N, C-alpha and C. Protein backbone atom coordinates (compact mmCIF):
# COMPACT_ATOMS: atom_id res chain seq x y z
N MET A 1 21.36 9.58 -162.95
CA MET A 1 21.78 9.62 -162.41
C MET A 1 22.01 11.15 -161.90
N LYS A 2 20.50 11.41 -161.21
CA LYS A 2 19.45 13.28 -161.43
C LYS A 2 20.63 13.55 -160.69
N ILE A 3 20.84 14.60 -161.52
CA ILE A 3 21.64 15.91 -161.06
C ILE A 3 21.64 17.00 -160.34
N LYS A 4 21.76 17.71 -159.00
CA LYS A 4 20.46 18.41 -157.77
C LYS A 4 21.05 19.46 -158.32
N THR A 5 19.81 20.54 -158.14
CA THR A 5 19.63 21.69 -158.73
C THR A 5 20.71 22.81 -157.32
N LYS A 6 20.66 23.87 -157.25
CA LYS A 6 22.14 23.95 -156.84
C LYS A 6 20.58 24.75 -155.67
N LYS A 7 19.55 24.73 -155.52
CA LYS A 7 18.70 25.26 -154.34
C LYS A 7 18.61 23.85 -153.86
N GLU A 8 18.61 22.71 -154.23
CA GLU A 8 18.32 21.13 -153.64
C GLU A 8 19.64 21.12 -152.51
N ASN A 9 20.77 21.49 -153.01
CA ASN A 9 22.08 20.98 -152.61
C ASN A 9 22.17 21.96 -151.47
N ARG A 10 21.18 23.37 -151.44
CA ARG A 10 21.26 24.66 -150.72
C ARG A 10 20.44 23.77 -149.38
N ARG A 11 19.42 22.96 -150.11
CA ARG A 11 19.23 22.64 -149.06
C ARG A 11 19.09 21.62 -147.90
N GLU A 12 20.14 20.50 -148.33
CA GLU A 12 20.52 20.12 -148.22
C GLU A 12 22.09 20.35 -146.77
N GLN A 13 22.31 21.90 -147.06
CA GLN A 13 23.33 22.18 -146.67
C GLN A 13 22.92 23.30 -145.36
N ILE A 14 21.74 22.95 -145.84
CA ILE A 14 20.71 23.95 -144.31
C ILE A 14 20.52 22.70 -142.90
N ILE A 15 20.43 21.45 -144.20
CA ILE A 15 19.50 20.64 -143.24
C ILE A 15 21.08 19.92 -142.30
N LYS A 16 21.53 19.82 -142.99
CA LYS A 16 23.16 19.16 -142.80
C LYS A 16 23.53 19.84 -141.17
N ALA A 17 23.49 21.15 -141.43
CA ALA A 17 24.25 22.30 -140.01
C ALA A 17 23.22 22.13 -138.72
N ALA A 18 21.67 22.43 -139.51
CA ALA A 18 20.90 22.79 -138.34
C ALA A 18 21.26 20.72 -137.38
N GLU A 19 21.57 19.61 -138.31
CA GLU A 19 21.37 18.58 -137.63
C GLU A 19 22.58 18.64 -136.38
N GLU A 20 23.81 19.09 -136.98
CA GLU A 20 25.32 19.63 -136.39
C GLU A 20 25.31 20.54 -134.91
N VAL A 21 24.24 21.40 -135.62
CA VAL A 21 24.20 22.37 -134.09
C VAL A 21 23.03 21.83 -133.79
N PHE A 22 22.50 21.10 -133.99
CA PHE A 22 21.01 20.34 -132.56
C PHE A 22 21.61 19.31 -132.07
N SER A 23 22.27 18.71 -132.24
CA SER A 23 22.76 17.69 -131.58
C SER A 23 23.45 17.96 -130.53
N LYS A 24 24.36 18.98 -130.66
CA LYS A 24 25.37 19.13 -129.97
C LYS A 24 25.25 20.42 -128.84
N LYS A 25 24.18 21.10 -128.96
CA LYS A 25 23.43 22.14 -128.55
C LYS A 25 22.17 22.32 -128.43
N ASP A 26 21.54 22.23 -127.29
CA ASP A 26 20.20 21.96 -126.86
C ASP A 26 18.94 22.64 -127.65
N PHE A 27 18.55 22.34 -128.41
CA PHE A 27 17.00 22.83 -129.58
C PHE A 27 16.84 23.84 -128.67
N GLN A 28 16.29 23.75 -128.26
CA GLN A 28 15.68 25.29 -127.37
C GLN A 28 16.27 25.99 -127.67
N SER A 29 17.61 25.80 -126.88
CA SER A 29 19.01 27.00 -126.85
C SER A 29 19.09 27.80 -128.79
N SER A 30 19.37 26.35 -129.52
CA SER A 30 19.33 26.87 -130.50
C SER A 30 18.73 27.77 -131.43
N THR A 31 19.58 28.85 -132.42
CA THR A 31 18.82 29.02 -133.05
C THR A 31 19.25 29.40 -134.21
N ILE A 32 18.51 30.09 -134.83
CA ILE A 32 18.27 30.34 -136.83
C ILE A 32 19.81 30.95 -137.05
N SER A 33 20.15 31.65 -136.41
CA SER A 33 21.25 32.39 -136.51
C SER A 33 22.82 31.50 -136.29
N ASP A 34 21.89 30.62 -135.48
CA ASP A 34 23.46 29.39 -134.84
C ASP A 34 23.62 28.35 -136.33
N VAL A 35 21.97 28.12 -136.73
CA VAL A 35 22.83 27.48 -137.95
C VAL A 35 22.92 27.64 -139.53
N ALA A 36 22.69 29.15 -138.99
CA ALA A 36 23.03 30.17 -140.73
C ALA A 36 24.38 30.41 -140.41
N LYS A 37 25.26 30.47 -139.21
CA LYS A 37 26.27 30.47 -139.03
C LYS A 37 27.45 29.19 -139.84
N GLN A 38 26.52 28.39 -139.24
CA GLN A 38 27.62 26.68 -139.68
C GLN A 38 27.48 26.47 -141.35
N ALA A 39 25.99 26.58 -141.28
CA ALA A 39 25.60 26.56 -142.58
C ALA A 39 26.49 27.23 -144.18
N GLY A 40 27.33 28.78 -143.30
CA GLY A 40 27.66 29.47 -143.55
C GLY A 40 26.94 30.39 -145.07
N VAL A 41 25.42 30.98 -144.39
CA VAL A 41 24.47 31.16 -145.07
C VAL A 41 23.72 32.38 -144.31
N SER A 42 22.72 33.26 -144.43
CA SER A 42 21.95 34.60 -143.87
C SER A 42 20.65 33.95 -142.74
N ASP A 43 20.62 34.61 -142.36
CA ASP A 43 18.58 34.11 -141.54
C ASP A 43 18.27 33.84 -142.38
N ALA A 44 18.10 34.89 -143.39
CA ALA A 44 16.92 35.29 -144.08
C ALA A 44 17.28 34.26 -145.12
N THR A 45 18.18 33.53 -146.08
CA THR A 45 18.24 32.75 -146.28
C THR A 45 17.65 31.17 -145.68
N ILE A 46 17.58 30.83 -144.44
CA ILE A 46 16.82 30.06 -144.29
C ILE A 46 16.22 29.95 -144.22
N TYR A 47 15.49 31.28 -144.14
CA TYR A 47 13.72 31.46 -143.91
C TYR A 47 12.87 31.51 -145.46
N GLU A 48 13.88 31.12 -146.72
CA GLU A 48 13.36 30.86 -147.71
C GLU A 48 12.97 29.25 -147.69
N TYR A 49 14.03 28.73 -146.91
CA TYR A 49 13.24 27.40 -146.88
C TYR A 49 12.67 26.68 -146.53
N PHE A 50 12.52 27.26 -145.22
CA PHE A 50 12.31 26.31 -143.74
C PHE A 50 11.72 27.22 -143.33
N ALA A 51 10.54 27.65 -142.62
CA ALA A 51 9.49 28.64 -141.96
C ALA A 51 9.72 28.91 -140.63
N SER A 52 10.11 27.87 -140.08
CA SER A 52 10.60 27.58 -138.83
C SER A 52 11.67 26.99 -138.39
N LYS A 53 12.39 27.31 -137.25
CA LYS A 53 13.29 25.90 -136.51
C LYS A 53 12.44 24.88 -136.62
N GLU A 54 11.46 24.29 -135.93
CA GLU A 54 10.89 23.36 -136.14
C GLU A 54 10.33 22.82 -137.15
N GLU A 55 9.83 23.56 -137.97
CA GLU A 55 10.06 22.79 -139.43
C GLU A 55 11.59 22.29 -139.71
N LEU A 56 12.57 22.80 -139.75
CA LEU A 56 13.81 22.43 -140.42
C LEU A 56 14.44 21.64 -139.43
N LEU A 57 14.18 21.14 -138.10
CA LEU A 57 14.64 20.19 -137.37
C LEU A 57 13.59 18.38 -137.86
N PHE A 58 12.21 18.76 -137.86
CA PHE A 58 11.64 18.20 -138.28
C PHE A 58 12.33 17.88 -139.89
N SER A 59 13.09 18.14 -140.76
CA SER A 59 12.75 18.01 -141.87
C SER A 59 14.30 16.99 -141.80
N ILE A 60 15.08 16.81 -141.23
CA ILE A 60 16.58 16.00 -140.77
C ILE A 60 16.45 14.79 -140.69
N PRO A 61 15.57 13.98 -140.17
CA PRO A 61 15.15 12.95 -140.41
C PRO A 61 15.02 12.13 -141.89
N ARG A 62 14.54 12.91 -142.84
CA ARG A 62 14.04 11.76 -144.29
C ARG A 62 14.78 11.47 -144.99
N ALA A 63 16.00 12.06 -144.98
CA ALA A 63 17.03 11.83 -145.64
C ALA A 63 17.97 10.60 -145.65
N ASN A 64 17.99 10.94 -143.68
CA ASN A 64 18.56 9.48 -143.33
C ASN A 64 17.69 8.42 -143.30
N ILE A 65 16.22 8.75 -143.06
CA ILE A 65 15.75 7.33 -143.24
C ILE A 65 15.59 7.09 -144.81
N GLU A 66 15.48 7.89 -145.82
CA GLU A 66 15.69 7.31 -146.40
C GLU A 66 16.98 6.66 -147.35
N ASN A 67 17.85 7.28 -146.76
CA ASN A 67 19.23 6.38 -147.13
C ASN A 67 19.62 4.90 -146.34
N SER A 68 19.13 5.28 -144.97
CA SER A 68 19.17 3.73 -144.42
C SER A 68 17.99 2.61 -144.88
N LYS A 69 16.80 3.21 -145.24
CA LYS A 69 15.99 1.64 -145.93
C LYS A 69 16.57 1.61 -146.73
N ASN A 70 17.48 2.40 -147.99
CA ASN A 70 17.75 1.72 -149.02
C ASN A 70 18.91 0.88 -148.78
N ILE A 71 19.42 0.85 -147.54
CA ILE A 71 20.82 0.41 -147.47
C ILE A 71 20.52 -0.81 -147.14
N LEU A 72 19.25 -1.11 -146.14
CA LEU A 72 18.87 -2.31 -145.33
C LEU A 72 18.08 -2.98 -146.27
N GLU A 73 17.41 -2.58 -147.55
CA GLU A 73 16.99 -3.29 -148.35
C GLU A 73 18.13 -3.88 -149.13
N ASP A 74 18.92 -3.09 -149.13
CA ASP A 74 19.93 -4.10 -150.65
C ASP A 74 20.62 -4.99 -149.78
N HIS A 75 20.58 -5.25 -148.46
CA HIS A 75 21.70 -6.21 -147.91
C HIS A 75 20.65 -7.43 -147.38
N LEU A 76 19.35 -7.42 -147.22
CA LEU A 76 18.59 -8.52 -146.87
C LEU A 76 18.21 -8.74 -148.45
N LEU A 77 18.68 -8.29 -149.35
CA LEU A 77 18.48 -9.05 -150.42
C LEU A 77 19.57 -10.74 -150.71
N TYR A 78 20.26 -10.53 -149.94
CA TYR A 78 21.56 -11.74 -150.19
C TYR A 78 21.41 -12.38 -148.80
N ILE A 79 20.36 -12.15 -147.45
CA ILE A 79 20.21 -12.52 -146.82
C ILE A 79 18.98 -13.66 -146.82
N LYS A 80 19.09 -15.04 -146.35
CA LYS A 80 18.52 -16.32 -146.73
C LYS A 80 18.03 -16.64 -144.89
N GLY A 81 16.48 -16.93 -144.39
CA GLY A 81 15.83 -17.59 -143.53
C GLY A 81 16.06 -16.05 -142.67
N ALA A 82 14.07 -16.01 -142.00
CA ALA A 82 13.58 -14.94 -140.86
C ALA A 82 14.63 -14.51 -140.02
N ALA A 83 15.54 -16.11 -139.35
CA ALA A 83 16.01 -15.11 -138.26
C ALA A 83 17.17 -14.72 -138.47
N ASN A 84 18.32 -15.62 -139.52
CA ASN A 84 19.29 -14.35 -140.18
C ASN A 84 18.73 -12.95 -140.56
N ARG A 85 17.68 -12.82 -141.12
CA ARG A 85 17.34 -11.44 -141.71
C ARG A 85 17.38 -10.39 -140.09
N LEU A 86 16.21 -10.92 -139.40
CA LEU A 86 16.14 -10.49 -138.57
C LEU A 86 17.61 -9.95 -137.35
N ARG A 87 18.20 -10.78 -137.67
CA ARG A 87 20.12 -10.29 -137.17
C ARG A 87 19.97 -9.31 -137.89
N GLY A 88 20.32 -9.04 -139.06
CA GLY A 88 20.41 -8.40 -140.05
C GLY A 88 20.08 -7.32 -140.22
N ILE A 89 18.85 -7.02 -139.01
CA ILE A 89 18.52 -5.79 -139.55
C ILE A 89 18.84 -5.20 -138.01
N ILE A 90 18.96 -6.06 -136.92
CA ILE A 90 19.35 -5.37 -135.53
C ILE A 90 20.64 -4.89 -135.81
N TYR A 91 21.43 -5.14 -136.41
CA TYR A 91 22.89 -5.24 -136.49
C TYR A 91 23.07 -4.40 -137.72
N HIS A 92 22.10 -3.37 -139.02
CA HIS A 92 22.05 -2.12 -139.45
C HIS A 92 21.61 -1.37 -138.77
N LEU A 93 20.50 -1.52 -137.76
CA LEU A 93 19.90 -0.03 -137.28
C LEU A 93 21.08 0.64 -136.11
N LEU A 94 21.18 -0.48 -135.53
CA LEU A 94 22.47 -0.24 -134.89
C LEU A 94 24.16 0.10 -135.26
N SER A 95 24.38 -0.03 -136.75
CA SER A 95 25.57 0.32 -137.00
C SER A 95 24.98 2.03 -137.67
N TYR A 96 23.99 1.77 -138.44
CA TYR A 96 23.79 3.16 -138.62
C TYR A 96 23.60 4.42 -137.69
N TYR A 97 22.69 4.07 -136.49
CA TYR A 97 23.13 5.02 -135.94
C TYR A 97 24.20 5.30 -135.14
N GLN A 98 25.36 4.35 -135.23
CA GLN A 98 26.70 4.03 -134.15
C GLN A 98 27.60 5.43 -135.36
N GLU A 99 27.47 5.17 -136.65
CA GLU A 99 27.67 5.68 -138.20
C GLU A 99 27.17 7.11 -138.02
N ASN A 100 26.20 7.16 -137.81
CA ASN A 100 25.37 8.22 -137.69
C ASN A 100 24.65 9.31 -136.00
N ALA A 101 26.05 9.40 -135.75
CA ALA A 101 25.88 9.81 -134.21
C ALA A 101 24.70 10.83 -133.97
N GLU A 102 25.23 11.75 -134.76
CA GLU A 102 24.31 13.49 -134.78
C GLU A 102 23.20 13.31 -135.08
N PHE A 103 22.15 12.32 -136.31
CA PHE A 103 21.51 12.02 -136.31
C PHE A 103 20.79 10.99 -135.34
N ALA A 104 21.21 9.95 -134.69
CA ALA A 104 20.43 9.54 -133.40
C ALA A 104 20.05 10.31 -132.17
N ALA A 105 21.35 11.11 -131.93
CA ALA A 105 21.02 12.13 -131.09
C ALA A 105 19.75 12.83 -131.46
N ILE A 106 19.89 13.66 -132.17
CA ILE A 106 17.99 14.19 -132.81
C ILE A 106 17.08 13.35 -132.94
N SER A 107 17.26 11.97 -133.38
CA SER A 107 16.22 11.21 -133.27
C SER A 107 15.73 10.89 -132.38
N LEU A 108 16.85 10.49 -131.06
CA LEU A 108 16.31 9.10 -130.04
C LEU A 108 16.15 10.19 -129.30
N MET A 109 16.50 11.48 -128.98
CA MET A 109 16.68 12.09 -127.62
C MET A 109 16.22 13.66 -128.01
N ILE A 110 15.66 14.20 -129.09
CA ILE A 110 15.08 15.05 -129.45
C ILE A 110 13.86 14.49 -130.37
N LEU A 111 13.58 13.95 -130.61
CA LEU A 111 11.99 13.59 -132.23
C LEU A 111 10.94 13.00 -131.26
N LYS A 112 12.38 12.28 -130.30
CA LYS A 112 11.28 10.76 -129.88
C LYS A 112 10.94 11.44 -128.98
N THR A 113 9.94 12.32 -128.01
CA THR A 113 9.73 13.12 -127.25
C THR A 113 8.57 13.90 -127.64
N SER A 114 8.35 14.13 -128.83
CA SER A 114 7.79 15.48 -129.42
C SER A 114 6.48 15.30 -130.33
N ARG A 115 5.63 15.04 -129.71
CA ARG A 115 4.17 14.95 -129.71
C ARG A 115 3.54 15.24 -131.49
N LYS A 116 4.91 16.58 -131.58
CA LYS A 116 3.78 17.32 -133.18
C LYS A 116 4.85 16.68 -134.46
N PHE A 117 5.80 16.19 -133.97
CA PHE A 117 6.62 15.12 -134.54
C PHE A 117 5.47 14.02 -135.46
N MET A 118 5.27 13.44 -133.85
CA MET A 118 4.67 12.03 -134.45
C MET A 118 2.85 12.34 -135.32
N GLU A 119 3.01 13.63 -135.85
CA GLU A 119 1.62 14.09 -136.72
C GLU A 119 2.64 14.14 -138.07
N THR A 120 3.59 14.45 -138.29
CA THR A 120 4.41 14.64 -139.15
C THR A 120 3.93 13.35 -140.70
N GLU A 121 4.26 13.69 -141.87
CA GLU A 121 4.43 12.96 -142.52
C GLU A 121 5.76 11.94 -143.06
N ILE A 122 7.03 12.66 -142.33
CA ILE A 122 8.18 12.00 -142.10
C ILE A 122 8.52 11.39 -140.72
N TYR A 123 7.48 11.13 -139.85
CA TYR A 123 7.14 10.07 -138.82
C TYR A 123 6.16 8.58 -139.69
N ASN A 124 5.14 9.09 -140.06
CA ASN A 124 4.16 7.87 -140.59
C ASN A 124 5.70 7.67 -141.64
N TYR A 125 6.20 7.72 -141.98
CA TYR A 125 7.65 7.29 -143.31
C TYR A 125 7.77 6.34 -142.31
N LEU A 126 8.61 7.07 -141.76
CA LEU A 126 9.42 6.44 -140.69
C LEU A 126 8.99 4.79 -140.14
N ARG A 127 7.15 5.06 -139.84
CA ARG A 127 6.92 4.01 -139.23
C ARG A 127 6.54 2.66 -140.36
N GLU A 128 6.10 3.38 -141.62
CA GLU A 128 6.53 2.20 -143.04
C GLU A 128 7.72 1.14 -143.01
N TYR A 129 8.93 2.28 -142.39
CA TYR A 129 10.56 1.30 -142.59
C TYR A 129 10.35 0.63 -141.94
N TYR A 130 9.91 0.86 -140.62
CA TYR A 130 9.69 -0.27 -139.75
C TYR A 130 8.59 -1.64 -139.61
N GLN A 131 7.70 -1.38 -140.35
CA GLN A 131 6.92 -2.75 -140.65
C GLN A 131 7.52 -4.04 -141.33
N ILE A 132 9.66 -3.62 -142.12
CA ILE A 132 10.26 -4.46 -142.49
C ILE A 132 10.27 -5.49 -141.35
N ILE A 133 10.29 -4.91 -139.76
CA ILE A 133 10.51 -5.55 -138.93
C ILE A 133 9.74 -6.57 -139.01
N ILE A 134 7.48 -6.61 -138.57
CA ILE A 134 7.05 -6.93 -138.81
C ILE A 134 6.93 -8.08 -139.97
N LYS A 135 6.88 -7.71 -140.92
CA LYS A 135 7.05 -8.36 -142.28
C LYS A 135 8.11 -9.61 -141.86
N THR A 136 9.13 -9.92 -141.65
CA THR A 136 10.31 -10.85 -140.82
C THR A 136 10.18 -11.51 -140.26
N ILE A 137 9.55 -11.16 -139.12
CA ILE A 137 8.66 -11.69 -138.09
C ILE A 137 7.67 -12.53 -138.64
N GLU A 138 7.17 -12.40 -139.22
CA GLU A 138 6.07 -13.11 -139.91
C GLU A 138 6.31 -13.99 -141.13
N GLU A 139 7.66 -13.83 -141.97
CA GLU A 139 8.16 -14.87 -142.80
C GLU A 139 8.22 -15.60 -141.59
N GLY A 140 8.76 -15.07 -140.43
CA GLY A 140 9.58 -16.82 -139.65
C GLY A 140 8.42 -17.70 -138.98
N VAL A 141 7.23 -16.97 -138.39
CA VAL A 141 6.11 -17.68 -138.58
C VAL A 141 5.55 -18.73 -139.45
N GLN A 142 6.18 -18.08 -140.79
CA GLN A 142 5.05 -18.87 -141.68
C GLN A 142 5.93 -19.98 -141.66
N SER A 143 7.45 -19.94 -142.18
CA SER A 143 8.47 -20.60 -141.91
C SER A 143 8.65 -21.89 -141.37
N GLY A 144 7.74 -21.87 -140.15
CA GLY A 144 8.13 -22.32 -139.22
C GLY A 144 9.68 -21.90 -138.00
N GLU A 145 10.15 -21.32 -137.92
CA GLU A 145 11.49 -20.65 -137.99
C GLU A 145 10.74 -19.92 -136.21
N PHE A 146 9.89 -19.54 -136.53
CA PHE A 146 9.36 -18.47 -135.08
C PHE A 146 7.96 -19.61 -134.44
N LYS A 147 7.76 -19.25 -133.14
CA LYS A 147 6.70 -19.74 -132.49
C LYS A 147 5.20 -19.05 -133.40
N ASN A 148 4.05 -19.61 -133.18
CA ASN A 148 2.96 -19.48 -133.93
C ASN A 148 2.48 -17.93 -133.32
N ASP A 149 2.46 -18.24 -131.55
CA ASP A 149 1.45 -17.14 -130.79
C ASP A 149 2.74 -16.18 -130.60
N ILE A 150 3.10 -16.01 -130.98
CA ILE A 150 4.44 -14.36 -130.63
C ILE A 150 3.68 -13.16 -131.23
N ASN A 151 3.51 -12.26 -130.71
CA ASN A 151 3.03 -11.14 -131.37
C ASN A 151 3.71 -9.54 -131.82
N PRO A 152 3.99 -10.37 -133.73
CA PRO A 152 5.08 -9.60 -134.10
C PRO A 152 5.19 -8.05 -133.49
N HIS A 153 4.46 -6.96 -133.07
CA HIS A 153 4.43 -5.65 -133.26
C HIS A 153 5.17 -5.80 -131.38
N PHE A 154 4.60 -6.59 -131.07
CA PHE A 154 5.38 -6.40 -129.52
C PHE A 154 7.19 -6.95 -129.34
N VAL A 155 7.42 -7.69 -130.79
CA VAL A 155 8.71 -8.36 -130.19
C VAL A 155 9.05 -7.26 -131.26
N ARG A 156 8.59 -6.28 -131.98
CA ARG A 156 9.03 -5.12 -132.73
C ARG A 156 9.55 -4.08 -131.80
N SER A 157 8.62 -4.01 -131.06
CA SER A 157 8.92 -3.19 -130.30
C SER A 157 10.12 -3.09 -128.80
N ALA A 158 9.76 -5.06 -128.08
CA ALA A 158 11.46 -5.55 -127.80
C ALA A 158 12.36 -4.72 -128.33
N ILE A 159 12.65 -5.11 -129.96
CA ILE A 159 13.94 -4.55 -130.69
C ILE A 159 14.61 -3.32 -130.50
N LEU A 160 13.09 -2.45 -131.64
CA LEU A 160 13.66 -0.57 -131.51
C LEU A 160 13.50 -0.28 -129.97
N GLY A 161 12.77 -0.43 -128.67
CA GLY A 161 13.30 -0.38 -127.04
C GLY A 161 14.52 -0.52 -127.08
N THR A 162 15.02 -1.54 -127.26
CA THR A 162 16.37 -2.43 -126.50
C THR A 162 17.56 -1.61 -127.61
N ILE A 163 17.14 -1.20 -128.87
CA ILE A 163 18.24 -0.50 -129.31
C ILE A 163 18.35 0.65 -129.05
N GLU A 164 17.24 1.54 -128.70
CA GLU A 164 17.48 3.17 -128.53
C GLU A 164 17.90 3.47 -127.74
N PHE A 165 17.94 2.24 -126.20
CA PHE A 165 18.53 2.01 -125.37
C PHE A 165 20.02 1.52 -125.45
N ILE A 166 20.93 1.36 -125.70
CA ILE A 166 21.83 0.87 -126.14
C ILE A 166 22.19 2.49 -126.55
N VAL A 167 21.54 3.27 -127.73
CA VAL A 167 22.17 4.10 -128.55
C VAL A 167 22.22 5.65 -127.82
N VAL A 168 20.89 5.17 -126.51
CA VAL A 168 20.77 6.31 -126.06
C VAL A 168 22.31 6.70 -125.26
N ARG A 169 22.02 5.90 -124.47
CA ARG A 169 23.54 5.06 -123.50
C ARG A 169 24.92 5.14 -123.52
N TRP A 170 24.41 4.99 -124.97
CA TRP A 170 26.00 4.74 -125.83
C TRP A 170 26.42 6.78 -125.82
N LEU A 171 25.20 7.27 -126.65
CA LEU A 171 25.98 8.92 -126.70
C LEU A 171 25.49 9.76 -125.39
N MET A 172 25.20 9.36 -123.93
CA MET A 172 25.31 9.95 -123.22
C MET A 172 26.46 9.57 -122.03
N LYS A 173 27.14 8.58 -122.94
CA LYS A 173 28.72 8.52 -121.97
C LYS A 173 29.41 9.26 -122.93
N GLY A 174 28.78 10.15 -123.98
CA GLY A 174 30.47 10.75 -124.70
C GLY A 174 31.06 9.95 -125.88
N THR A 175 30.05 9.10 -126.91
CA THR A 175 30.49 8.93 -128.41
C THR A 175 31.41 9.94 -128.83
N PRO A 176 32.28 9.46 -129.96
CA PRO A 176 32.09 8.48 -130.06
C PRO A 176 33.20 7.14 -130.25
N ASP A 177 33.85 8.35 -129.18
CA ASP A 177 35.14 7.41 -128.49
C ASP A 177 35.49 6.64 -127.69
N ASP A 178 33.80 6.75 -127.04
CA ASP A 178 33.82 5.67 -125.68
C ASP A 178 33.80 4.07 -126.56
N LYS A 179 34.78 3.28 -125.68
CA LYS A 179 35.08 2.16 -126.83
C LYS A 179 33.88 0.31 -126.61
N THR A 180 32.61 0.74 -125.97
CA THR A 180 31.76 -0.03 -126.42
C THR A 180 30.56 0.82 -127.10
N LYS A 181 30.84 -0.30 -128.72
CA LYS A 181 30.49 0.80 -129.44
C LYS A 181 28.67 -0.03 -129.30
N PRO A 182 27.19 0.53 -129.47
CA PRO A 182 26.67 -0.43 -130.32
C PRO A 182 26.52 -1.72 -130.76
N VAL A 183 27.54 -1.74 -131.93
CA VAL A 183 27.10 -3.07 -132.77
C VAL A 183 27.65 -4.08 -132.02
N GLU A 184 28.48 -3.51 -131.24
CA GLU A 184 28.76 -4.73 -129.85
C GLU A 184 27.42 -5.03 -129.78
N SER A 185 26.76 -4.39 -129.57
CA SER A 185 25.52 -5.46 -128.65
C SER A 185 24.50 -6.29 -129.52
N VAL A 186 24.97 -6.32 -130.36
CA VAL A 186 24.37 -7.40 -131.94
C VAL A 186 23.82 -8.61 -131.26
N ASP A 187 24.83 -8.92 -131.56
CA ASP A 187 24.53 -10.63 -130.72
C ASP A 187 23.91 -10.83 -129.58
N SER A 188 23.56 -10.38 -128.57
CA SER A 188 23.41 -9.89 -127.24
C SER A 188 21.73 -9.69 -127.46
N LEU A 189 21.65 -8.64 -127.92
CA LEU A 189 19.82 -8.69 -128.36
C LEU A 189 19.73 -9.39 -129.14
N PHE A 190 20.60 -9.78 -130.08
CA PHE A 190 19.31 -10.69 -131.11
C PHE A 190 19.44 -12.01 -130.38
N ASN A 191 20.64 -11.86 -129.59
CA ASN A 191 19.97 -14.42 -128.92
C ASN A 191 18.91 -13.57 -127.52
N LEU A 192 18.49 -12.60 -127.23
CA LEU A 192 17.78 -12.28 -126.28
C LEU A 192 16.68 -12.50 -126.52
N ILE A 193 16.15 -11.97 -128.05
CA ILE A 193 14.94 -11.90 -129.08
C ILE A 193 14.67 -13.52 -129.84
N TYR A 194 15.83 -13.60 -129.70
CA TYR A 194 15.26 -15.56 -130.97
C TYR A 194 14.96 -16.28 -129.72
N ASP A 195 16.51 -16.27 -128.81
CA ASP A 195 15.54 -17.50 -127.70
C ASP A 195 14.13 -17.54 -127.30
N GLY A 196 13.42 -15.61 -127.56
CA GLY A 196 12.53 -15.93 -126.58
C GLY A 196 10.80 -16.07 -127.80
N ILE A 197 11.43 -16.59 -129.32
CA ILE A 197 10.44 -16.80 -129.90
C ILE A 197 10.41 -17.60 -131.02
N LYS A 198 11.93 -18.38 -130.86
CA LYS A 198 11.83 -19.39 -131.46
C LYS A 198 11.52 -20.50 -131.83
N LYS A 199 11.41 -21.84 -132.92
CA LYS A 199 10.63 -23.35 -132.26
C LYS A 199 12.16 -23.71 -131.64
N GLU A 200 11.39 -24.81 -130.90
CA GLU A 200 12.25 -25.90 -130.02
C GLU A 200 13.58 -26.11 -131.24
N ASN A 201 13.41 -26.54 -132.17
CA ASN A 201 14.33 -26.91 -133.05
C ASN A 201 15.39 -25.46 -133.81
N GLY A 202 14.97 -24.07 -133.88
CA GLY A 202 15.30 -23.27 -134.95
C GLY A 202 17.24 -22.94 -134.34
N LEU A 203 16.99 -22.77 -132.93
CA LEU A 203 18.81 -22.74 -133.13
C LEU A 203 19.64 -23.73 -134.29
N LYS A 204 19.24 -24.77 -133.93
CA LYS A 204 20.41 -25.64 -134.31
C LYS A 204 19.85 -25.48 -135.79
N GLU A 205 19.11 -25.07 -136.52
CA GLU A 205 18.71 -24.79 -137.56
C GLU A 205 19.77 -23.21 -138.50
N LEU A 206 19.20 -22.52 -137.36
CA LEU A 206 19.86 -21.21 -137.98
C LEU A 206 21.59 -21.37 -137.93
N LYS A 207 22.18 -22.32 -137.28
CA LYS A 207 23.59 -22.22 -136.85
C LYS A 207 24.07 -23.06 -138.08
N TYR A 208 23.00 -23.73 -138.88
CA TYR A 208 23.88 -24.48 -140.53
C TYR A 208 23.15 -24.10 -141.28
N ARG A 209 22.54 -22.98 -141.29
CA ARG A 209 22.30 -22.23 -142.35
C ARG A 209 23.43 -21.26 -142.08
N ILE A 210 23.89 -20.55 -141.39
CA ILE A 210 25.44 -19.66 -141.15
C ILE A 210 26.50 -20.03 -141.41
N VAL A 211 26.69 -21.64 -141.06
CA VAL A 211 27.57 -22.17 -141.61
C VAL A 211 27.48 -22.28 -143.23
N LEU A 212 26.81 -22.94 -143.59
CA LEU A 212 26.72 -22.98 -145.05
C LEU A 212 26.80 -22.27 -146.08
N GLU A 213 25.74 -20.96 -145.83
CA GLU A 213 25.78 -19.72 -146.37
C GLU A 213 26.72 -18.84 -146.08
N PRO A 214 27.37 -17.88 -147.67
CA PRO A 214 28.34 -17.13 -148.16
C PRO A 214 28.38 -15.64 -146.52
């Protein structure tokens, strides 16, 4: 296990502080001084690591994306069948946003509409991460679980768009005390998507696998 250097720990400390500040206070009105106060460092220290407030903002998603990707890949190793895997992906994304509300707020309510963020390396990494949905749908087509004429990219957009709507609505209603959690929508979303892409006998086969597999 790699031991992090003092500099790496300090960088993470600053990013975490920025995540808390930007998610609770409008990004435009937030200042480097706000982040420095939250992190317990000086303004000058932050500028040793980040050239601007925007660069600091764009640095927030990387650790979360990497963590989310690692967790999902580990979970999918134990799930058989494309339909079951697709449900697992939906559950994971909703669950991760729910458990990381500050990251969700920054990712879906600030960065989502940033053209500059879409030009970054981190955004490209996020797109690569979401390729796992495309691959799962393609596996379902090849295995005969899903229809042959579906468009995997369109299905992915429908899944991600709905997840974003669910999570943003949850955030806007004043999480995390709201009783309606994002994960409570897993089956509703999965069934909606699955009903549109399954082959005629797919539902029966899916139920059979769920019963037999631990």
